[in-house]
Amino acid sequence: MFLVCVLEEVEEADYINSAVRFKKEGKPASGRSFSSFIQTFVSLAACWFILLLIIILHIYYISVISDKNTKQKAEIKNLKSQNEELKIKEKNLNEKCQIFEKTQNELNVSRAQWSVDAYCPKLKNGVYRSPYERTWAGAREDCRGKSSDLAVAADEQERNYIVDRLSPVTKGINGYWIGVRARNRTWKWINGTDLFDQGWVDQPAADGQCVTSLSNRGWRSASCNDKNGWICEKKALLV
């Protein structure tokens, strides 16, 4: 009987200890699960927050860059428009400059031609025929003072023009000096070239001799120290 009671007490004590141990061990397991859930939730929330922040920043920067690109495109378009306007203005300015330059040149030529016409009205190529008399050197000096030189002829037609039209018979004038003189027994023009036809002068060239022109006598040899009228010629300007 005593043994049965002891066994019953032992079994009861084991049951109580098991229940107590179950309670002590079961409660901490439930706490760890909740703590783990909280940590996982916080981590996931942090990840979602970071992801959301990245998305927001990405959208913001895309918006900023897009706006910046739009402004840059507008500025580029505006600059291109201004550049085109400047090109048009430059073209118009160049055209005006060309017109002005052309007008100025025409005006200068006209003024120069007026000077030629005033220098020798009614005569071709700015020709001046002096009513006075000088030596050949003095006559040439006078021509040079008028920005011209003694008359010359490039061909027979011009020679005849000098004789027939520019060397009229005038009272007191034995002839008009022209741009021909003797050098080394050769008739030469004042520029140093040989006279095209030495026979245009009535006598062979001799040092110290120059040439006069008169309509009824042609070209004649005369001493360069003689005093005669003279013919200056200044070529007319051509536009």
C-alpha atoms as a PDB file:
ATOM      1  CA  MET A   1       0.000   0.000   0.000  1.00  0.00           C
ATOM      2  CA  PHE A   2       2.813   2.305   0.925  1.00  0.00           C
ATOM      3  CA  LEU A   3       4.595   1.398  -2.279  1.00  0.00           C
ATOM      4  CA  VAL A   4       1.597   2.210  -4.374  1.00  0.00           C
ATOM      5  CA  CYS A   5       1.300   5.612  -2.740  1.00  0.00           C
ATOM      6  CA  VAL A   6       4.950   6.340  -3.342  1.00  0.00           C
ATOM      7  CA  LEU A   7       4.614   5.452  -7.001  1.00  0.00           C
ATOM      8  CA  GLU A   8       1.542   7.592  -7.328  1.00  0.00           C
ATOM      9  CA  GLU A   9       3.383  10.538  -5.741  1.00  0.00           C
ATOM     10  CA  VAL A  10       6.344  10.046  -8.058  1.00  0.00           C
ATOM     11  CA  GLU A  11       4.135   9.943 -11.134  1.00  0.00           C
ATOM     12  CA  GLU A  12       2.273  13.012  -9.972  1.00  0.00           C
ATOM     13  CA  ALA A  13       5.532  14.890  -9.421  1.00  0.00           C
ATOM     14  CA  ASP A  14       6.747  13.923 -12.909  1.00  0.00           C
ATOM     15  CA  TYR A  15       3.511  15.137 -14.432  1.00  0.00           C
ATOM     16  CA  ILE A  16       3.724  18.440 -12.614  1.00  0.00           C
ATOM     17  CA  ASN A  17       7.383  18.905 -13.609  1.00  0.00           C
ATOM     18  CA  SER A  18       6.568  18.078 -17.225  1.00  0.00           C
ATOM     19  CA  ALA A  19       3.777  20.605 -17.284  1.00  0.00           C
ATOM     20  CA  VAL A  20       5.968  23.233 -15.704  1.00  0.00           C
ATOM     21  CA  ARG A  21       8.825  22.459 -18.105  1.00  0.00           C
ATOM     22  CA  PHE A  22       6.424  22.589 -21.037  1.00  0.00           C
ATOM     23  CA  LYS A  23       5.227  25.980 -19.969  1.00  0.00           C
ATOM     24  CA  LYS A  24       8.769  27.289 -19.431  1.00  0.00           C
ATOM     25  CA  GLU A  25      10.092  25.951 -22.738  1.00  0.00           C
ATOM     26  CA  GLY A  26       7.015  26.763 -24.880  1.00  0.00           C
ATOM     27  CA  LYS A  27       6.824  30.443 -24.023  1.00  0.00           C
ATOM     28  CA  PRO A  28      10.345  31.420 -25.217  1.00  0.00           C
ATOM     29  CA  ALA A  29       9.802  29.639 -28.600  1.00  0.00           C
ATOM     30  CA  SER A  30       6.767  31.802 -29.359  1.00  0.00           C
ATOM     31  CA  GLY A  31       8.696  35.023 -28.499  1.00  0.00           C
ATOM     32  CA  ARG A  32      11.544  34.173 -30.822  1.00  0.00           C
ATOM     33  CA  SER A  33       9.154  33.651 -33.743  1.00  0.00           C
ATOM     34  CA  PHE A  34       7.539  37.056 -33.259  1.00  0.00           C
ATOM     35  CA  SER A  35      10.901  38.781 -32.932  1.00  0.00           C
ATOM     36  CA  SER A  36      12.082  37.100 -36.128  1.00  0.00           C
ATOM     37  CA  PHE A  37       8.903  38.222 -37.910  1.00  0.00           C
ATOM     38  CA  ILE A  38       9.423  41.810 -36.762  1.00  0.00           C
ATOM     39  CA  GLN A  39      13.026  41.799 -37.990  1.00  0.00           C
ATOM     40  CA  THR A  40      12.001  40.360 -41.359  1.00  0.00           C
ATOM     41  CA  PHE A  41       9.199  42.894 -41.721  1.00  0.00           C
ATOM     42  CA  VAL A  42      11.516  45.787 -40.882  1.00  0.00           C
ATOM     43  CA  SER A  43      14.092  44.548 -43.402  1.00  0.00           C
ATOM     44  CA  LEU A  44      11.475  44.156 -46.124  1.00  0.00           C
ATOM     45  CA  ALA A  45      10.014  47.553 -45.299  1.00  0.00           C
ATOM     46  CA  ALA A  46      13.475  49.105 -45.527  1.00  0.00           C
ATOM     47  CA  CYS A  47      14.078  47.420 -48.894  1.00  0.00           C
ATOM     48  CA  TRP A  48      10.732  48.595 -50.223  1.00  0.00           C
ATOM     49  CA  PHE A  49      11.430  52.099 -48.932  1.00  0.00           C
ATOM     50  CA  ILE A  50      14.843  52.168 -50.608  1.00  0.00           C
ATOM     51  CA  LEU A  51      13.359  50.788 -53.815  1.00  0.00           C
ATOM     52  CA  LEU A  52      10.579  53.359 -53.710  1.00  0.00           C
ATOM     53  CA  LEU A  53      13.116  56.108 -53.057  1.00  0.00           C
ATOM     54  CA  ILE A  54      15.213  54.930 -56.002  1.00  0.00           C
ATOM     55  CA  ILE A  55      12.144  54.905 -58.249  1.00  0.00           C
ATOM     56  CA  ILE A  56      11.149  58.401 -57.112  1.00  0.00           C
ATOM     57  CA  LEU A  57      14.680  59.730 -57.637  1.00  0.00           C
ATOM     58  CA  HIS A  58      14.863  58.024 -61.032  1.00  0.00           C
ATOM     59  CA  ILE A  59      11.587  59.595 -62.106  1.00  0.00           C
ATOM     60  CA  TYR A  60      12.740  62.964 -60.758  1.00  0.00           C
ATOM     61  CA  TYR A  61      16.064  62.889 -62.586  1.00  0.00           C
ATOM     62  CA  ILE A  62      14.400  61.731 -65.803  1.00  0.00           C
ATOM     63  CA  SER A  63      11.983  64.630 -65.481  1.00  0.00           C
ATOM     64  CA  VAL A  64      14.818  67.086 -64.799  1.00  0.00           C
ATOM     65  CA  ILE A  65      16.935  65.774 -67.686  1.00  0.00           C
ATOM     66  CA  SER A  66      13.932  65.787 -70.011  1.00  0.00           C
ATOM     67  CA  ASP A  67      13.145  69.364 -69.045  1.00  0.00           C
ATOM     68  CA  LYS A  68      16.786  70.331 -69.502  1.00  0.00           C
ATOM     69  CA  ASN A  69      16.907  68.669 -72.925  1.00  0.00           C
ATOM     70  CA  THR A  70      13.723  70.464 -73.928  1.00  0.00           C
ATOM     71  CA  LYS A  71      15.221  73.801 -72.901  1.00  0.00           C
ATOM     72  CA  GLN A  72      18.490  73.027 -74.714  1.00  0.00           C
ATOM     73  CA  LYS A  73      16.604  72.075 -77.872  1.00  0.00           C
ATOM     74  CA  ALA A  74      14.654  75.319 -77.649  1.00  0.00           C
ATOM     75  CA  GLU A  75      17.891  77.283 -77.174  1.00  0.00           C
ATOM     76  CA  ILE A  76      19.529  75.470 -80.110  1.00  0.00           C
ATOM     77  CA  LYS A  77      16.504  76.202 -82.283  1.00  0.00           C
ATOM     78  CA  ASN A  78      16.608  79.835 -81.212  1.00  0.00           C
ATOM     79  CA  LEU A  79      20.350  80.053 -81.935  1.00  0.00           C
ATOM     80  CA  LYS A  80      19.842  78.501 -85.373  1.00  0.00           C
ATOM     81  CA  SER A  81      17.122  81.032 -86.080  1.00  0.00           C
ATOM     82  CA  GLN A  82      19.396  83.876 -84.975  1.00  0.00           C
ATOM     83  CA  ASN A  83      22.219  82.443 -87.093  1.00  0.00           C
ATOM     84  CA  GLU A  84      19.968  82.361 -90.153  1.00  0.00           C
ATOM     85  CA  GLU A  85      18.933  85.953 -89.496  1.00  0.00           C
ATOM     86  CA  LEU A  86      22.590  86.976 -89.187  1.00  0.00           C
ATOM     87  CA  LYS A  87      23.399  85.226 -92.478  1.00  0.00           C
ATOM     88  CA  ILE A  88      20.560  87.074 -94.191  1.00  0.00           C
ATOM     89  CA  LYS A  89      21.726  90.374 -92.703  1.00  0.00           C
ATOM     90  CA  GLU A  90      25.313  89.617 -93.754  1.00  0.00           C
ATOM     91  CA  LYS A  91      24.163  88.817 -97.295  1.00  0.00           C
ATOM     92  CA  ASN A  92      22.131  92.015 -97.477  1.00  0.00           C
ATOM     93  CA  LEU A  93      25.046  94.007 -96.078  1.00  0.00           C
ATOM     94  CA  ASN A  94      27.454  92.495 -98.629  1.00  0.00           C
ATOM     95  CA  GLU A  95      25.036  93.336-101.431  1.00  0.00           C
ATOM     96  CA  LYS A  96      24.745  96.900-100.163  1.00  0.00           C
ATOM     97  CA  CYS A  97      28.546  97.141 -99.906  1.00  0.00           C
ATOM     98  CA  GLN A  98      28.928  95.874-103.470  1.00  0.00           C
ATOM     99  CA  ILE A  99      26.329  98.344-104.719  1.00  0.00           C
ATOM    100  CA  PHE A 100      28.013 101.141-102.787  1.00  0.00           C
ATOM    101  CA  GLU A 101      31.458 100.152-104.080  1.00  0.00           C
ATOM    102  CA  LYS A 102      30.179  99.960-107.657  1.00  0.00           C
ATOM    103  CA  THR A 103      28.450 103.326-107.310  1.00  0.00           C
ATOM    104  CA  GLN A 104      31.582 104.829-105.771  1.00  0.00           C
ATOM    105  CA  ASN A 105      33.773 103.479-108.575  1.00  0.00           C
ATOM    106  CA  GLU A 106      31.380 104.780-111.198  1.00  0.00           C
ATOM    107  CA  LEU A 107      31.341 108.133-109.454  1.00  0.00           C
ATOM    108  CA  ASN A 108      35.148 108.249-109.310  1.00  0.00           C
ATOM    109  CA  VAL A 109      35.405 107.311-112.977  1.00  0.00           C
ATOM    110  CA  SER A 110      32.809 109.926-113.846  1.00  0.00           C
ATOM    111  CA  ARG A 111      34.702 112.573-111.906  1.00  0.00           C
ATOM    112  CA  ALA A 112      37.945 111.529-113.560  1.00  0.00           C
ATOM    113  CA  GLN A 113      36.294 111.645-116.959  1.00  0.00           C
ATOM    114  CA  TRP A 114      34.902 115.079-116.166  1.00  0.00           C
ATOM    115  CA  SER A 115      38.462 116.149-115.370  1.00  0.00           C
ATOM    116  CA  VAL A 116      39.613 114.784-118.717  1.00  0.00           C
ATOM    117  CA  ASP A 117      36.770 116.524-120.496  1.00  0.00           C
ATOM    118  CA  ALA A 118      37.549 119.765-118.702  1.00  0.00           C
ATOM    119  CA  TYR A 119      41.223 119.289-119.512  1.00  0.00           C
ATOM    120  CA  CYS A 120      40.494 118.909-123.204  1.00  0.00           C
ATOM    121  CA  PRO A 121      36.891 119.500-124.266  1.00  0.00           C
ATOM    122  CA  LYS A 122      35.837 118.328-127.722  1.00  0.00           C
ATOM    123  CA  LEU A 123      39.077 116.395-128.365  1.00  0.00           C
ATOM    124  CA  LYS A 124      39.597 112.628-128.189  1.00  0.00           C
ATOM    125  CA  ASN A 125      41.633 110.851-125.502  1.00  0.00           C
ATOM    126  CA  GLY A 126      42.230 113.942-123.368  1.00  0.00           C
ATOM    127  CA  VAL A 127      44.414 115.786-125.874  1.00  0.00           C
ATOM    128  CA  TYR A 128      45.799 119.227-125.142  1.00  0.00           C
ATOM    129  CA  ARG A 129      47.291 121.357-127.887  1.00  0.00           C
ATOM    130  CA  SER A 130      49.381 124.246-126.616  1.00  0.00           C
ATOM    131  CA  PRO A 131      49.176 127.637-128.324  1.00  0.00           C
ATOM    132  CA  TYR A 132      52.581 128.526-126.882  1.00  0.00           C
ATOM    133  CA  GLU A 133      56.089 127.490-127.901  1.00  0.00           C
ATOM    134  CA  ARG A 134      58.770 125.628-125.989  1.00  0.00           C
ATOM    135  CA  THR A 135      61.711 123.322-126.572  1.00  0.00           C
ATOM    136  CA  TRP A 136      60.959 119.602-126.820  1.00  0.00           C
ATOM    137  CA  ALA A 137      62.088 119.032-123.200  1.00  0.00           C
ATOM    138  CA  GLY A 138      60.093 122.031-121.973  1.00  0.00           C
ATOM    139  CA  ALA A 139      57.010 120.825-123.838  1.00  0.00           C
ATOM    140  CA  ARG A 140      57.277 117.381-122.281  1.00  0.00           C
ATOM    141  CA  GLU A 141      57.721 118.904-118.838  1.00  0.00           C
ATOM    142  CA  ASP A 142      54.479 120.821-119.322  1.00  0.00           C
ATOM    143  CA  CYS A 143      52.648 117.645-120.356  1.00  0.00           C
ATOM    144  CA  ARG A 144      53.897 115.779-117.321  1.00  0.00           C
ATOM    145  CA  GLY A 145      52.688 118.626-115.140  1.00  0.00           C
ATOM    146  CA  LYS A 146      49.242 117.900-116.559  1.00  0.00           C
ATOM    147  CA  SER A 147      49.524 114.153-115.729  1.00  0.00           C
ATOM    148  CA  SER A 148      50.001 113.285-119.393  1.00  0.00           C
ATOM    149  CA  ASP A 149      52.822 113.089-121.952  1.00  0.00           C
ATOM    150  CA  LEU A 150      53.634 114.081-125.513  1.00  0.00           C
ATOM    151  CA  ALA A 151      51.304 112.439-128.031  1.00  0.00           C
ATOM    152  CA  VAL A 152      52.224 109.041-129.511  1.00  0.00           C
ATOM    153  CA  ALA A 153      50.706 106.752-132.148  1.00  0.00           C
ATOM    154  CA  ALA A 154      50.340 102.975-131.914  1.00  0.00           C
ATOM    155  CA  ASP A 155      49.689 102.522-135.627  1.00  0.00           C
ATOM    156  CA  GLU A 156      49.360 104.414-138.900  1.00  0.00           C
ATOM    157  CA  GLN A 157      45.737 105.266-138.250  1.00  0.00           C
ATOM    158  CA  GLU A 158      46.642 107.060-135.036  1.00  0.00           C
ATOM    159  CA  ARG A 159      49.562 108.740-136.802  1.00  0.00           C
ATOM    160  CA  ASN A 160      47.211 110.107-139.443  1.00  0.00           C
ATOM    161  CA  TYR A 161      44.833 111.236-136.723  1.00  0.00           C
ATOM    162  CA  ILE A 162      47.627 113.235-135.061  1.00  0.00           C
ATOM    163  CA  VAL A 163      48.653 114.792-138.377  1.00  0.00           C
ATOM    164  CA  ASP A 164      45.210 115.528-139.773  1.00  0.00           C
ATOM    165  CA  ARG A 165      43.187 116.325-136.667  1.00  0.00           C
ATOM    166  CA  LEU A 166      45.572 117.386-133.920  1.00  0.00           C
ATOM    167  CA  SER A 167      48.147 119.407-135.852  1.00  0.00           C
ATOM    168  CA  PRO A 168      46.268 122.192-137.643  1.00  0.00           C
ATOM    169  CA  VAL A 169      48.119 124.947-139.398  1.00  0.00           C
ATOM    170  CA  THR A 170      48.176 127.848-136.969  1.00  0.00           C
ATOM    171  CA  LYS A 171      49.652 131.288-137.474  1.00  0.00           C
ATOM    172  CA  GLY A 172      53.045 131.566-135.793  1.00  0.00           C
ATOM    173  CA  ILE A 173      53.338 127.803-135.177  1.00  0.00           C
ATOM    174  CA  ASN A 174      55.815 125.867-137.318  1.00  0.00           C
ATOM    175  CA  GLY A 175      54.814 122.528-135.856  1.00  0.00           C
ATOM    176  CA  TYR A 176      53.798 120.682-132.710  1.00  0.00           C
ATOM    177  CA  TRP A 177      56.169 118.544-130.697  1.00  0.00           C
ATOM    178  CA  ILE A 178      55.125 114.895-130.351  1.00  0.00           C
ATOM    179  CA  GLY A 179      56.612 112.003-128.367  1.00  0.00           C
ATOM    180  CA  VAL A 180      59.353 111.004-130.854  1.00  0.00           C
ATOM    181  CA  ARG A 181      63.083 111.775-130.652  1.00  0.00           C
ATOM    182  CA  ALA A 182      66.366 110.381-132.029  1.00  0.00           C
ATOM    183  CA  ARG A 183      68.406 107.908-129.992  1.00  0.00           C
ATOM    184  CA  ASN A 184      71.473 106.194-131.475  1.00  0.00           C
ATOM    185  CA  ARG A 185      70.382 107.268-134.968  1.00  0.00           C
ATOM    186  CA  THR A 186      66.968 105.667-134.534  1.00  0.00           C
ATOM    187  CA  TRP A 187      63.615 107.356-134.106  1.00  0.00           C
ATOM    188  CA  LYS A 188      62.166 106.206-130.796  1.00  0.00           C
ATOM    189  CA  TRP A 189      59.027 106.803-128.834  1.00  0.00           C
ATOM    190  CA  ILE A 190      59.297 108.413-125.425  1.00  0.00           C
ATOM    191  CA  ASN A 191      58.885 104.969-123.822  1.00  0.00           C
ATOM    192  CA  GLY A 192      62.117 103.831-125.520  1.00  0.00           C
ATOM    193  CA  THR A 193      60.608 101.609-128.231  1.00  0.00           C
ATOM    194  CA  ASP A 194      61.504 102.074-131.889  1.00  0.00           C
ATOM    195  CA  LEU A 195      59.180 103.962-134.180  1.00  0.00           C
ATOM    196  CA  PHE A 196      57.182 101.343-136.087  1.00  0.00           C
ATOM    197  CA  ASP A 197      58.001 102.926-139.445  1.00  0.00           C
ATOM    198  CA  GLN A 198      61.114 105.118-139.562  1.00  0.00           C
ATOM    199  CA  GLY A 199      59.818 106.526-142.856  1.00  0.00           C
ATOM    200  CA  TRP A 200      57.041 108.337-141.043  1.00  0.00           C
ATOM    201  CA  VAL A 201      59.578 111.111-140.384  1.00  0.00           C
ATOM    202  CA  ASP A 202      60.858 113.141-143.346  1.00  0.00           C
ATOM    203  CA  GLN A 203      64.566 112.642-142.457  1.00  0.00           C
ATOM    204  CA  PRO A 204      66.724 109.871-140.929  1.00  0.00           C
ATOM    205  CA  ALA A 205      67.248 110.100-137.184  1.00  0.00           C
ATOM    206  CA  ALA A 206      70.189 112.145-135.936  1.00  0.00           C
ATOM    207  CA  ASP A 207      71.155 112.755-132.334  1.00  0.00           C
ATOM    208  CA  GLY A 208      69.716 115.985-130.948  1.00  0.00           C
ATOM    209  CA  GLN A 209      66.724 115.842-133.282  1.00  0.00           C
ATOM    210  CA  CYS A 210      63.056 115.518-132.275  1.00  0.00           C
ATOM    211  CA  VAL A 211      59.858 115.351-134.313  1.00  0.00           C
ATOM    212  CA  THR A 212      57.118 117.903-134.974  1.00  0.00           C
ATOM    213  CA  SER A 213      53.725 117.340-136.583  1.00  0.00           C
ATOM    214  CA  LEU A 214      51.770 119.676-138.868  1.00  0.00           C
ATOM    215  CA  SER A 215      48.779 118.846-140.999  1.00  0.00           C
ATOM    216  CA  ASN A 216      50.176 120.123-144.298  1.00  0.00           C
ATOM    217  CA  ARG A 217      53.684 118.725-143.790  1.00  0.00           C
ATOM    218  CA  GLY A 218      53.357 115.496-141.796  1.00  0.00           C
ATOM    219  CA  TRP A 219      56.088 114.578-139.319  1.00  0.00           C
ATOM    220  CA  ARG A 220      59.309 116.516-139.660  1.00  0.00           C
ATOM    221  CA  SER A 221      62.708 116.366-137.985  1.00  0.00           C
ATOM    222  CA  ALA A 222      63.712 119.467-135.995  1.00  0.00           C
ATOM    223  CA  SER A 223      66.321 120.381-133.415  1.00  0.00           C
ATOM    224  CA  CYS A 224      65.087 119.513-129.933  1.00  0.00           C
ATOM    225  CA  ASN A 225      66.210 122.994-128.858  1.00  0.00           C
ATOM    226  CA  ASP A 226      63.861 124.725-131.306  1.00  0.00           C
ATOM    227  CA  LYS A 227      60.698 126.202-129.892  1.00  0.00           C
ATOM    228  CA  ASN A 228      57.402 124.859-131.166  1.00  0.00           C
ATOM    229  CA  GLY A 229      53.890 124.194-129.994  1.00  0.00           C
ATOM    230  CA  TRP A 230      53.186 120.763-128.531  1.00  0.00           C
ATOM    231  CA  ILE A 231      50.481 118.149-128.158  1.00  0.00           C
ATOM    232  CA  CYS A 232      49.880 116.434-124.832  1.00  0.00           C
ATOM    233  CA  GLU A 233      47.790 113.308-124.630  1.00  0.00           C
ATOM    234  CA  LYS A 234      46.123 111.609-121.691  1.00  0.00           C
ATOM    235  CA  LYS A 235      44.219 108.427-122.434  1.00  0.00           C
ATOM    236  CA  ALA A 236      40.550 108.605-121.517  1.00  0.00           C
ATOM    237  CA  LEU A 237      39.320 106.364-118.745  1.00  0.00           C
ATOM    238  CA  LEU A 238      37.091 103.423-119.655  1.00  0.00           C
ATOM    239  CA  VAL A 239      34.380 102.023-117.376  1.00  0.00           C
END
